[in-house]
């Protein structure tokens, strides 16, 4: 019993110390947090070895992102021209709609969900006191949640050998100081997956053609979103 009480007391003391130190840690790291919501123009690449479709068609998508950005200058001394450099980690949930004509020129449609984790290098450029523009670039780690679901003529719901996708994300964010302590964001990105989505097992299409471990293709999109960000320093 004494050991349990001692353990609880130790945990309580550690938590209290962490809570007390958190504001100073946040101020030292100059953290900015925010969120975005937006639409995507999906043009899934069926031509990178795909067994199902050929023609790439634009389809709408949807996404939600939360992010945190930290200047690298809070971790190391940098030359003045590198002080605007930062690192931004994001967590996003996206709905991807895809469409093509298959090998027999019949419509094919489907959709899938991904959990995305981009890790981006950023460089903040102040246009004036009200507006800043931040280019960003970096790798994106993505996980397909469930299957690629059939919305029309496509293979049966497409179970994947691996849910993991690796890609790249590049774009820019404009931040505007007009409301509250933070900034309104307008963001545009290009996303490109390098990993090919491969089916697990045998599939049949509507024409009874059989495919073993078929390659569907790889995702790409242009995403446009709006959001809001603020520095955590403003909360303390």
Protein backbone atom coordinates (compact mmCIF):
# COMPACT_ATOMS: atom_id res chain seq x y z
CA UNK A 1 0.00 0.00 0.00
CA UNK A 2 2.83 2.38 0.89
CA UNK A 3 4.47 1.68 -2.48
CA UNK A 4 1.22 2.50 -4.31
CA UNK A 5 0.82 5.76 -2.38
CA UNK A 6 4.47 6.64 -3.06
CA UNK A 7 4.04 5.91 -6.77
CA UNK A 8 0.90 8.05 -6.98
CA UNK A 9 2.63 10.87 -5.13
CA UNK A 10 5.63 10.67 -7.49
CA UNK A 11 3.41 10.75 -10.57
CA UNK A 12 1.45 13.68 -9.14
CA UNK A 13 4.66 15.60 -8.43
CA UNK A 14 6.04 14.90 -11.90
CA UNK A 15 2.78 15.96 -13.55
CA UNK A 16 2.65 19.15 -11.48
CA UNK A 17 6.26 19.97 -12.42
CA UNK A 18 5.57 19.34 -16.12
CA UNK A 19 2.45 21.51 -16.01
CA UNK A 20 4.35 24.30 -14.29
CA UNK A 21 7.18 24.17 -16.84
CA UNK A 22 4.96 23.83 -19.93
CA UNK A 23 4.32 27.57 -20.46
CA UNK A 24 8.06 28.37 -20.43
CA UNK A 25 8.79 25.48 -22.82
CA UNK A 26 6.09 26.71 -25.22
CA UNK A 27 7.41 30.28 -25.07
CA UNK A 28 10.96 29.13 -25.69
CA UNK A 29 9.96 27.07 -28.73
CA UNK A 30 7.64 29.75 -30.16
CA UNK A 31 5.08 27.12 -31.22
CA UNK A 32 2.29 27.94 -33.68
CA UNK A 33 -0.72 25.63 -33.94
CA UNK A 34 -3.71 25.63 -36.24
CA UNK A 35 -6.15 23.75 -38.41
CA UNK A 36 -7.35 23.72 -42.00
CA UNK A 37 -10.37 22.42 -43.88
CA UNK A 38 -10.66 22.21 -47.64
CA UNK A 39 -11.31 20.49 -50.94
CA UNK A 40 -9.00 18.49 -53.16
CA UNK A 41 -8.82 17.91 -56.89
CA UNK A 42 -7.91 14.22 -57.12
CA UNK A 43 -6.34 12.96 -60.33
CA UNK A 44 -5.37 9.43 -59.40
CA UNK A 45 -2.56 8.04 -61.55
CA UNK A 46 -3.80 4.76 -63.03
CA UNK A 47 -1.04 4.80 -65.64
CA UNK A 48 1.87 4.00 -63.33
CA UNK A 49 1.51 0.26 -63.90
CA UNK A 50 -2.19 0.09 -63.08
CA UNK A 51 -4.21 -2.97 -64.12
CA UNK A 52 -7.65 -1.37 -63.81
CA UNK A 53 -7.92 2.00 -65.53
CA UNK A 54 -6.22 4.22 -68.05
CA UNK A 55 -7.68 7.73 -68.31
CA UNK A 56 -7.12 10.13 -65.41
CA UNK A 57 -10.18 12.19 -64.44
CA UNK A 58 -10.46 15.05 -61.97
CA UNK A 59 -12.60 14.19 -58.96
CA UNK A 60 -13.40 16.23 -55.82
CA UNK A 61 -12.06 15.26 -52.42
CA UNK A 62 -12.22 16.58 -48.86
CA UNK A 63 -9.75 16.99 -46.02
CA UNK A 64 -9.15 18.13 -42.43
CA UNK A 65 -5.71 18.97 -41.05
CA UNK A 66 -4.24 19.98 -37.70
CA UNK A 67 -0.65 21.17 -37.45
CA UNK A 68 2.12 22.58 -35.26
CA UNK A 69 5.01 24.71 -36.50
CA UNK A 70 8.25 25.48 -34.69
CA UNK A 71 11.10 27.79 -35.82
CA UNK A 72 14.38 25.89 -36.07
CA UNK A 73 16.11 28.95 -34.59
CA UNK A 74 14.67 27.93 -31.19
CA UNK A 75 16.74 24.75 -31.37
CA UNK A 76 19.98 26.02 -32.91
CA UNK A 77 21.75 29.24 -33.79
CA UNK A 78 21.22 30.06 -37.46
CA UNK A 79 22.47 32.74 -39.85
CA UNK A 80 20.05 35.64 -40.16
CA UNK A 81 18.82 34.59 -43.61
CA UNK A 82 17.83 31.15 -42.22
CA UNK A 83 15.93 32.43 -39.18
CA UNK A 84 12.53 32.20 -40.97
CA UNK A 85 13.14 28.45 -41.44
CA UNK A 86 10.81 26.15 -39.51
CA UNK A 87 9.51 22.61 -39.30
CA UNK A 88 5.79 21.82 -39.50
CA UNK A 89 4.23 18.50 -38.50
CA UNK A 90 0.65 17.82 -39.58
CA UNK A 91 -2.05 15.23 -39.01
CA UNK A 92 -4.76 14.99 -41.66
CA UNK A 93 -7.80 12.91 -42.56
CA UNK A 94 -8.71 12.91 -46.26
CA UNK A 95 -11.39 11.45 -48.51
CA UNK A 96 -10.15 10.64 -52.02
CA UNK A 97 -12.56 10.10 -54.92
CA UNK A 98 -11.16 8.49 -58.06
CA UNK A 99 -12.50 7.89 -61.57
CA UNK A 100 -11.27 6.50 -64.88
CA UNK A 101 -12.24 4.51 -67.94
CA UNK A 102 -11.21 0.89 -67.62
CA UNK A 103 -9.56 -1.27 -70.27
CA UNK A 104 -12.95 -1.79 -71.91
CA UNK A 105 -13.78 1.93 -71.88
CA UNK A 106 -16.38 1.61 -69.14
CA UNK A 107 -16.74 4.09 -66.28
CA UNK A 108 -14.90 3.22 -63.08
CA UNK A 109 -15.30 5.09 -59.80
CA UNK A 110 -14.22 4.55 -56.24
CA UNK A 111 -13.18 6.25 -53.01
CA UNK A 112 -10.83 5.68 -50.09
CA UNK A 113 -9.78 7.35 -46.83
CA UNK A 114 -6.27 8.19 -45.67
CA UNK A 115 -4.59 9.33 -42.48
CA UNK A 116 -1.73 11.61 -43.54
CA UNK A 117 1.35 12.78 -41.64
CA UNK A 118 3.38 15.38 -43.58
CA UNK A 119 6.66 16.59 -42.08
CA UNK A 120 7.45 19.85 -43.85
CA UNK A 121 10.23 22.40 -44.01
CA UNK A 122 8.80 25.94 -44.01
CA UNK A 123 10.23 29.38 -44.74
CA UNK A 124 8.18 32.37 -43.60
CA UNK A 125 8.27 35.48 -45.81
CA UNK A 126 6.68 38.65 -44.40
CA UNK A 127 5.00 40.63 -47.19
CA UNK A 128 3.94 43.40 -44.81
CA UNK A 129 2.59 43.78 -41.25
CA UNK A 130 -0.68 42.08 -42.25
CA UNK A 131 0.31 39.29 -44.66
CA UNK A 132 2.97 36.59 -44.72
CA UNK A 133 3.57 33.79 -47.23
CA UNK A 134 5.16 30.49 -46.22
CA UNK A 135 6.41 28.02 -48.86
CA UNK A 136 6.60 24.44 -47.60
CA UNK A 137 8.05 21.16 -48.80
CA UNK A 138 8.61 17.73 -47.36
CA UNK A 139 7.77 14.03 -47.21
CA UNK A 140 4.30 12.72 -46.47
CA UNK A 141 3.59 9.43 -44.71
CA UNK A 142 0.09 8.16 -45.42
CA UNK A 143 -2.05 5.21 -44.33
CA UNK A 144 -5.10 4.01 -46.26
CA UNK A 145 -7.93 3.34 -43.80
CA UNK A 146 -9.78 0.24 -44.91
CA UNK A 147 -10.32 -0.61 -48.57
CA UNK A 148 -10.69 1.26 -51.83
CA UNK A 149 -14.49 1.17 -52.09
CA UNK A 150 -16.41 0.59 -55.30
CA UNK A 151 -18.72 3.47 -56.30
CA UNK A 152 -19.64 2.11 -59.72
CA UNK A 153 -17.85 0.02 -62.27
CA UNK A 154 -14.56 -0.93 -60.63
CA UNK A 155 -13.06 -3.99 -59.07
CA UNK A 156 -14.83 -5.33 -56.01
CA UNK A 157 -13.93 -3.41 -52.86
CA UNK A 158 -10.17 -3.30 -53.13
CA UNK A 159 -8.34 -4.76 -50.11
CA UNK A 160 -4.71 -3.65 -50.10
CA UNK A 161 -1.55 -5.62 -49.46
CA UNK A 162 -0.19 -2.68 -47.48
CA UNK A 163 -1.98 0.44 -46.24
CA UNK A 164 1.24 2.48 -46.20
CA UNK A 165 1.97 5.18 -48.79
CA UNK A 166 5.01 7.40 -49.04
CA UNK A 167 4.95 10.64 -51.01
CA UNK A 168 5.83 14.29 -51.18
CA UNK A 169 3.89 17.47 -50.43
CA UNK A 170 4.74 20.93 -51.73
CA UNK A 171 2.82 24.19 -51.55
CA UNK A 172 2.43 27.54 -49.83
CA UNK A 173 0.33 29.12 -47.10
CA UNK A 174 -0.75 32.75 -46.93
CA UNK A 175 -1.47 34.04 -43.40
CA UNK A 176 -3.58 37.19 -42.95
CA UNK A 177 -3.83 39.17 -39.69
CA UNK A 178 -7.43 40.37 -39.64
CA UNK A 179 -9.31 38.48 -36.91
CA UNK A 180 -8.36 37.82 -33.29
CA UNK A 181 -4.90 36.96 -31.94
CA UNK A 182 -4.05 34.64 -34.85
CA UNK A 183 -4.17 34.59 -38.63
CA UNK A 184 -6.58 33.35 -41.27
CA UNK A 185 -4.93 30.89 -43.64
CA UNK A 186 -5.31 30.26 -47.36
CA UNK A 187 -3.36 27.19 -48.39
CA UNK A 188 -2.62 25.35 -51.66
CA UNK A 189 -0.71 22.06 -51.94
CA UNK A 190 0.32 19.48 -54.49
CA UNK A 191 0.41 15.92 -53.13
CA UNK A 192 2.06 12.99 -54.88
CA UNK A 193 2.28 9.41 -53.61
CA UNK A 194 5.22 7.32 -54.80
CA UNK A 195 3.89 4.02 -53.45
CA UNK A 196 1.65 2.01 -55.76
CA UNK A 197 -1.57 0.72 -54.21
CA UNK A 198 -1.62 -3.04 -54.77
CA UNK A 199 -4.55 -5.39 -54.18
CA UNK A 200 -4.31 -8.43 -51.98
CA UNK A 201 -5.55 -11.58 -53.70
CA UNK A 202 -7.71 -12.31 -56.73
CA UNK A 203 -10.20 -9.76 -58.07
CA UNK A 204 -12.84 -9.79 -60.76
CA UNK A 205 -14.29 -6.80 -62.58
CA UNK A 206 -17.80 -6.43 -63.99
CA UNK A 207 -16.70 -8.16 -67.21
CA UNK A 208 -15.51 -11.18 -65.19
CA UNK A 209 -11.86 -10.47 -65.96
CA UNK A 210 -9.61 -11.89 -63.24
CA UNK A 211 -6.65 -10.03 -61.72
CA UNK A 212 -4.14 -11.45 -59.25
CA UNK A 213 -2.72 -8.82 -56.88
CA UNK A 214 -3.68 -6.02 -59.29
CA UNK A 215 -1.97 -2.61 -59.16
CA UNK A 216 -4.53 0.17 -58.92
CA UNK A 217 -2.09 3.08 -59.24
CA UNK A 218 -0.95 5.93 -56.99
CA UNK A 219 -2.65 9.01 -55.62
CA UNK A 220 -2.04 12.63 -56.46
CA UNK A 221 -4.06 15.77 -55.83
CA UNK A 222 -4.13 19.54 -55.61
CA UNK A 223 -5.62 20.60 -52.28
CA UNK A 224 -7.01 24.05 -51.51
CA UNK A 225 -7.98 24.86 -47.94
CA UNK A 226 -8.67 27.62 -45.45
CA UNK A 227 -7.92 27.67 -41.75
CA UNK A 228 -6.73 29.54 -38.70
CA UNK A 229 -3.51 29.55 -36.69
CA UNK A 230 -2.17 31.21 -33.57
CA UNK A 231 0.93 31.16 -31.38
CA UNK A 232 0.60 29.22 -28.14
CA UNK A 233 2.57 32.02 -26.48
CA UNK A 234 -0.60 34.13 -26.69
CA UNK A 235 -2.35 31.72 -24.31
CA UNK A 236 0.19 32.20 -21.51
